[in-house]
Amino acid sequence: MAPEDEQIDGKLALRIAGSRDVEAEAELCRRFWPRLRAFGLRRLKREQDAVDLAQQVLVITIEALRSGLELLREFSGIGGASNNWALRGTRTATGRPAPGACRRGSR
């Protein structure tokens, strides 16, 4: 993903966390929906399952950003941090550990 895209996604995340900006939420969903759905389809092989997974990941992500949870830390260095958080969330939702996820006791 291009650094410009990371900056845009980071700014959207900050808008969601800071003021529950509904337009920013919609834009973030529009930007990530195709990739999340495609990832789910590759893993789950059924369209409806892929759509359900993409929707679940986006709902969890928006709720976490609204709550100011740890996801926001990934965006604190806008442009420097990878925004693969959405795909990591998908991997976690499929039951597999997210790459780079902290394991209990590893900190």
C-alpha atoms as a PDB file:
ATOM      1  CA  MET A   1       0.000   0.000   0.000  1.00  0.00           C
ATOM      2  CA  ALA A   2       1.263   3.443  -0.898  1.00  0.00           C
ATOM      3  CA  PRO A   3       2.338   5.813   1.901  1.00  0.00           C
ATOM      4  CA  GLU A   4      -0.325   8.276   0.754  1.00  0.00           C
ATOM      5  CA  ASP A   5      -3.004   5.623   1.319  1.00  0.00           C
ATOM      6  CA  GLU A   6      -1.616   4.919   4.784  1.00  0.00           C
ATOM      7  CA  GLN A   7      -1.839   8.612   5.593  1.00  0.00           C
ATOM      8  CA  ILE A   8      -5.426   8.790   4.389  1.00  0.00           C
ATOM      9  CA  ASP A   9      -6.399   5.712   6.404  1.00  0.00           C
ATOM     10  CA  GLY A  10      -4.638   7.071   9.472  1.00  0.00           C
ATOM     11  CA  LYS A  11      -6.411  10.384   9.211  1.00  0.00           C
ATOM     12  CA  LEU A  12      -9.752   8.614   8.819  1.00  0.00           C
ATOM     13  CA  ALA A  13      -9.023   6.537  11.933  1.00  0.00           C
ATOM     14  CA  LEU A  14      -8.170   9.659  13.902  1.00  0.00           C
ATOM     15  CA  ARG A  15     -11.411  11.335  12.760  1.00  0.00           C
ATOM     16  CA  ILE A  16     -13.408   8.302  13.886  1.00  0.00           C
ATOM     17  CA  ALA A  17     -11.656   8.115  17.243  1.00  0.00           C
ATOM     18  CA  GLY A  18     -11.791  11.836  17.853  1.00  0.00           C
ATOM     19  CA  SER A  19     -15.326  12.694  16.916  1.00  0.00           C
ATOM     20  CA  ARG A  20     -17.161   9.602  15.696  1.00  0.00           C
ATOM     21  CA  ASP A  21     -17.185  11.078  12.222  1.00  0.00           C
ATOM     22  CA  VAL A  22     -19.806   9.054  10.303  1.00  0.00           C
ATOM     23  CA  GLU A  23     -18.429  10.150   6.933  1.00  0.00           C
ATOM     24  CA  ALA A  24     -14.948   8.941   7.932  1.00  0.00           C
ATOM     25  CA  GLU A  25     -16.427   5.602   9.015  1.00  0.00           C
ATOM     26  CA  ALA A  26     -18.163   5.197   5.655  1.00  0.00           C
ATOM     27  CA  GLU A  27     -14.995   6.109   3.748  1.00  0.00           C
ATOM     28  CA  LEU A  28     -12.872   3.678   5.773  1.00  0.00           C
ATOM     29  CA  CYS A  29     -15.403   0.930   5.023  1.00  0.00           C
ATOM     30  CA  ARG A  30     -15.415   1.796   1.308  1.00  0.00           C
ATOM     31  CA  ARG A  31     -11.619   1.657   1.229  1.00  0.00           C
ATOM     32  CA  PHE A  32     -11.250  -1.689   3.016  1.00  0.00           C
ATOM     33  CA  TRP A  33     -14.369  -3.599   1.983  1.00  0.00           C
ATOM     34  CA  PRO A  34     -13.016  -4.979  -1.327  1.00  0.00           C
ATOM     35  CA  ARG A  35      -9.772  -6.270   0.204  1.00  0.00           C
ATOM     36  CA  LEU A  36     -11.482  -7.750   3.250  1.00  0.00           C
ATOM     37  CA  ARG A  37     -14.117  -9.469   1.124  1.00  0.00           C
ATOM     38  CA  ALA A  38     -11.486 -10.847  -1.265  1.00  0.00           C
ATOM     39  CA  PHE A  39      -9.400 -12.131   1.640  1.00  0.00           C
ATOM     40  CA  GLY A  40     -12.452 -13.818   3.168  1.00  0.00           C
ATOM     41  CA  LEU A  41     -13.414 -15.364  -0.152  1.00  0.00           C
ATOM     42  CA  ARG A  42      -9.926 -16.834  -0.613  1.00  0.00           C
ATOM     43  CA  ARG A  43     -10.002 -18.310   2.895  1.00  0.00           C
ATOM     44  CA  LEU A  44     -13.634 -19.280   3.306  1.00  0.00           C
ATOM     45  CA  LYS A  45     -14.567 -20.055  -0.326  1.00  0.00           C
ATOM     46  CA  ARG A  46     -18.197 -18.887   0.029  1.00  0.00           C
ATOM     47  CA  GLU A  47     -19.384 -15.410  -0.949  1.00  0.00           C
ATOM     48  CA  GLN A  48     -21.831 -14.991   1.939  1.00  0.00           C
ATOM     49  CA  ASP A  49     -19.224 -16.096   4.486  1.00  0.00           C
ATOM     50  CA  ALA A  50     -16.717 -13.635   3.020  1.00  0.00           C
ATOM     51  CA  VAL A  51     -19.248 -10.799   3.164  1.00  0.00           C
ATOM     52  CA  ASP A  52     -20.180 -11.676   6.749  1.00  0.00           C
ATOM     53  CA  LEU A  53     -16.523 -11.770   7.765  1.00  0.00           C
ATOM     54  CA  ALA A  54     -15.720  -8.432   6.099  1.00  0.00           C
ATOM     55  CA  GLN A  55     -18.706  -6.826   7.804  1.00  0.00           C
ATOM     56  CA  GLN A  56     -17.752  -8.268  11.188  1.00  0.00           C
ATOM     57  CA  VAL A  57     -14.148  -7.053  10.902  1.00  0.00           C
ATOM     58  CA  LEU A  58     -15.264  -3.556   9.925  1.00  0.00           C
ATOM     59  CA  VAL A  59     -17.794  -3.352  12.771  1.00  0.00           C
ATOM     60  CA  ILE A  60     -15.174  -4.488  15.303  1.00  0.00           C
ATOM     61  CA  THR A  61     -12.642  -2.038  13.867  1.00  0.00           C
ATOM     62  CA  ILE A  62     -15.027   0.937  13.945  1.00  0.00           C
ATOM     63  CA  GLU A  63     -16.110   0.093  17.500  1.00  0.00           C
ATOM     64  CA  ALA A  64     -12.492  -0.191  18.614  1.00  0.00           C
ATOM     65  CA  LEU A  65     -11.579   3.135  17.010  1.00  0.00           C
ATOM     66  CA  ARG A  66     -14.585   4.793  18.651  1.00  0.00           C
ATOM     67  CA  SER A  67     -13.431   3.417  21.989  1.00  0.00           C
ATOM     68  CA  GLY A  68      -9.876   4.607  21.443  1.00  0.00           C
ATOM     69  CA  LEU A  69      -8.454   1.134  21.937  1.00  0.00           C
ATOM     70  CA  GLU A  70      -4.978  -0.023  21.009  1.00  0.00           C
ATOM     71  CA  LEU A  71      -5.683   0.069  17.266  1.00  0.00           C
ATOM     72  CA  LEU A  72      -5.294   3.828  17.338  1.00  0.00           C
ATOM     73  CA  ARG A  73      -1.663   3.427  18.406  1.00  0.00           C
ATOM     74  CA  GLU A  74      -0.868   1.959  15.013  1.00  0.00           C
ATOM     75  CA  PHE A  75      -1.945   5.241  13.448  1.00  0.00           C
ATOM     76  CA  SER A  76      -0.062   7.544  15.782  1.00  0.00           C
ATOM     77  CA  GLY A  77       2.817   7.624  13.308  1.00  0.00           C
ATOM     78  CA  ILE A  78       0.662   8.376  10.289  1.00  0.00           C
ATOM     79  CA  GLY A  79       2.493   7.323   7.157  1.00  0.00           C
ATOM     80  CA  GLY A  80       5.005   5.192   9.004  1.00  0.00           C
ATOM     81  CA  ALA A  81       2.788   2.432  10.319  1.00  0.00           C
ATOM     82  CA  SER A  82       1.304  -0.176   8.091  1.00  0.00           C
ATOM     83  CA  ASN A  83      -2.454  -0.217   8.051  1.00  0.00           C
ATOM     84  CA  ASN A  84      -2.662  -3.963   7.634  1.00  0.00           C
ATOM     85  CA  TRP A  85      -4.595  -3.932  10.932  1.00  0.00           C
ATOM     86  CA  ALA A  86      -7.736  -4.687   8.983  1.00  0.00           C
ATOM     87  CA  LEU A  87      -6.277  -7.803   7.451  1.00  0.00           C
ATOM     88  CA  ARG A  88      -4.751  -8.841  10.782  1.00  0.00           C
ATOM     89  CA  GLY A  89      -8.246  -8.511  12.233  1.00  0.00           C
ATOM     90  CA  THR A  90      -9.530 -10.751   9.457  1.00  0.00           C
ATOM     91  CA  ARG A  91      -6.932 -13.376  10.186  1.00  0.00           C
ATOM     92  CA  THR A  92      -7.811 -13.278  13.851  1.00  0.00           C
ATOM     93  CA  ALA A  93     -11.516 -13.558  13.017  1.00  0.00           C
ATOM     94  CA  THR A  94     -10.772 -16.681  10.937  1.00  0.00           C
ATOM     95  CA  GLY A  95      -9.344 -18.330  14.046  1.00  0.00           C
ATOM     96  CA  ARG A  96      -5.695 -18.023  13.121  1.00  0.00           C
ATOM     97  CA  PRO A  97      -3.333 -15.881  15.172  1.00  0.00           C
ATOM     98  CA  ALA A  98      -2.710 -12.479  13.703  1.00  0.00           C
ATOM     99  CA  PRO A  99       0.846 -12.103  12.410  1.00  0.00           C
ATOM    100  CA  GLY A 100       2.899 -10.128  14.878  1.00  0.00           C
ATOM    101  CA  ALA A 101       0.197 -10.435  17.514  1.00  0.00           C
ATOM    102  CA  CYS A 102       1.413 -10.323  21.081  1.00  0.00           C
ATOM    103  CA  ARG A 103       1.318 -13.686  22.684  1.00  0.00           C
ATOM    104  CA  ARG A 104       0.502 -13.969  26.370  1.00  0.00           C
ATOM    105  CA  GLY A 105       3.669 -13.391  28.360  1.00  0.00           C
ATOM    106  CA  SER A 106       5.715 -12.161  25.393  1.00  0.00           C
ATOM    107  CA  ARG A 107       5.816  -8.549  26.560  1.00  0.00           C
END
